[in-house]
Protein backbone atom coordinates (compact mmCIF):
# COMPACT_ATOMS: atom_id res chain seq x y z
CA MET A 1 0.00 0.00 0.00
CA THR A 2 1.18 3.52 -0.78
CA ARG A 3 0.14 6.48 1.31
CA SER A 4 0.73 10.06 0.24
CA GLY A 5 0.56 13.37 2.01
CA GLY A 6 2.10 16.78 2.35
CA CYS A 7 2.14 20.17 3.93
CA GLN A 8 -0.64 22.74 4.07
CA CYS A 9 0.61 24.85 1.15
CA GLY A 10 1.41 21.86 -1.07
CA GLY A 11 5.09 22.80 -1.40
CA VAL A 12 6.29 19.50 0.10
CA ARG A 13 4.69 16.17 -0.83
CA TYR A 14 5.72 12.65 0.15
CA GLU A 15 4.86 8.98 -0.26
CA ALA A 16 5.18 6.09 2.19
CA THR A 17 4.96 2.50 0.95
CA GLY A 18 4.27 -0.70 2.83
CA GLU A 19 2.79 -1.17 6.25
CA PRO A 20 3.69 1.07 9.18
CA HIS A 21 5.37 -0.21 12.33
CA HIS A 22 2.98 1.70 14.56
CA HIS A 23 0.71 4.72 14.71
CA ALA A 24 0.53 6.57 18.02
CA VAL A 25 -0.48 9.90 19.49
CA CYS A 26 2.42 11.45 21.39
CA HIS A 27 1.90 13.69 24.41
CA CYS A 28 5.56 14.57 25.09
CA ALA A 29 6.56 18.15 25.80
CA ASP A 30 8.98 18.18 22.86
CA CYS A 31 6.25 17.27 20.35
CA ARG A 32 3.91 19.83 21.90
CA ALA A 33 6.53 22.58 21.65
CA SER A 34 7.44 21.64 18.09
CA ALA A 35 3.87 21.47 16.82
CA GLY A 36 2.26 24.11 19.01
CA ALA A 37 -0.46 21.54 19.70
CA PRO A 38 -1.49 19.51 22.76
CA MET A 39 -0.50 16.21 21.10
CA VAL A 40 0.84 14.92 17.78
CA GLY A 41 -0.02 11.78 15.80
CA TRP A 42 2.94 9.84 14.37
CA ILE A 43 2.89 6.92 11.95
CA ALA A 44 6.23 5.08 11.63
CA PHE A 45 7.77 3.50 8.53
CA ASP A 46 11.18 2.12 7.63
CA ALA A 47 13.23 5.09 6.43
CA ASP A 48 13.61 3.59 2.95
CA GLN A 49 9.80 3.39 2.62
CA VAL A 50 9.39 7.18 2.81
CA ARG A 51 10.36 9.53 0.02
CA VAL A 52 9.76 13.19 -0.69
CA THR A 53 8.14 13.54 -4.11
CA GLN A 54 7.94 17.33 -4.33
CA GLY A 55 9.83 20.17 -2.69
CA ALA A 56 12.34 19.86 0.11
CA PRO A 57 11.64 20.04 3.84
CA THR A 58 13.80 22.04 6.22
CA THR A 59 15.45 20.19 9.11
CA TYR A 60 15.63 21.26 12.75
CA ALA A 61 18.21 19.33 14.77
CA GLY A 62 16.75 19.05 18.27
CA LYS A 63 18.08 17.57 21.45
CA ASN A 64 19.19 13.96 21.97
CA GLY A 65 19.53 13.19 18.25
CA ALA A 66 16.03 14.31 17.25
CA ARG A 67 15.61 15.68 13.73
CA ARG A 68 12.30 17.27 12.80
CA GLN A 69 11.51 18.21 9.22
CA PHE A 70 8.91 20.73 8.12
CA CYS A 71 7.85 22.78 5.13
CA PRO A 72 10.04 25.88 4.80
CA ALA A 73 7.13 27.91 3.37
CA CYS A 74 4.12 27.11 5.57
CA GLY A 75 5.81 25.47 8.58
CA THR A 76 3.78 22.25 8.57
CA GLY A 77 5.60 19.57 10.56
CA LEU A 78 6.16 16.45 8.47
CA PHE A 79 8.85 14.01 9.66
CA TYR A 80 10.72 12.93 12.77
CA THR A 81 13.86 10.80 12.89
CA ASN A 82 16.19 9.86 15.71
CA ALA A 83 19.00 7.41 14.93
CA GLU A 84 19.53 6.71 18.64
CA ILE A 85 15.95 6.04 19.74
CA LEU A 86 14.34 4.89 16.46
CA PRO A 87 17.16 3.64 14.20
CA GLY A 88 16.10 3.21 10.58
CA ILE A 89 12.63 4.67 11.20
CA THR A 90 10.98 7.78 9.77
CA GLU A 91 7.88 8.95 11.58
CA ILE A 92 5.35 11.00 9.65
CA GLN A 93 2.96 13.42 11.32
CA SER A 94 -0.13 11.38 10.54
CA ALA A 95 -2.46 14.38 10.20
CA THR A 96 -0.50 15.32 7.06
CA LEU A 97 -1.53 12.10 5.28
CA ASP A 98 -4.12 12.49 2.52
CA THR A 99 -5.92 9.59 4.25
CA ALA A 100 -5.59 10.97 7.81
CA ALA A 101 -9.28 10.34 8.60
CA GLN A 102 -8.85 6.63 7.84
CA GLU A 103 -5.59 6.15 9.81
CA THR A 104 -6.68 5.37 13.37
CA PRO A 105 -3.87 5.40 15.96
CA GLN A 106 -3.36 2.26 18.04
CA ALA A 107 -1.81 3.88 21.12
CA GLN A 108 -1.09 7.01 23.10
CA ILE A 109 2.51 7.45 24.24
CA GLN A 110 4.41 9.68 26.66
CA LEU A 111 1.31 9.97 28.85
CA ALA A 112 3.50 11.10 31.75
CA ASP A 113 3.86 14.44 29.89
CA ARG A 114 0.24 14.87 28.78
CA LEU A 115 -1.56 18.06 29.65
CA PRO A 116 -3.87 17.48 32.64
CA TRP A 117 -7.01 18.68 30.83
CA ILE A 118 -6.72 16.16 27.95
CA ASP A 119 -8.90 13.65 29.81
CA GLN A 120 -11.67 16.25 30.04
CA LEU A 121 -12.02 17.00 26.31
CA ASP A 122 -15.25 14.99 26.03
CA THR A 123 -16.88 17.28 28.60
CA LEU A 124 -16.33 20.49 26.59
CA ALA A 125 -18.98 22.18 24.46
CA ARG A 126 -18.91 21.01 20.84
CA PHE A 127 -19.51 22.95 17.62
CA ASP A 128 -19.44 21.62 14.03
CA ARG A 129 -17.94 24.93 12.91
CA PHE A 130 -16.52 27.98 14.63
CA PRO A 131 -19.26 29.28 16.96
CA GLU A 132 -20.76 32.68 16.23
CA GLY A 133 -21.03 35.37 18.85
């Protein structure tokens, strides 16, 4: 199976072939800071199964061997690699997949870092679109 995806502006596109190793939602503080979001979904493939088909992402070398890649134009986070922790693996931010709605995560990780209000999301008011007034 081949999955494709890309950034918000369309400047960077990619393909991933084969079956992923895992798909998880990460709650770690590093992912939150990088994405500016309360959690980030990651789907992991062998590095040789992922290829950029259009454009070129920019790389940010983080701490402890982390390398995050994102679109240089719109800033969409795309890939994460870490040769020490995940050798030979490229993780893709799963919300950037064209099929994101069909790619259900199997786990939540780094729960020790999760924001305390995450467990209360189901109790919040819900709106199909941005509420008026």
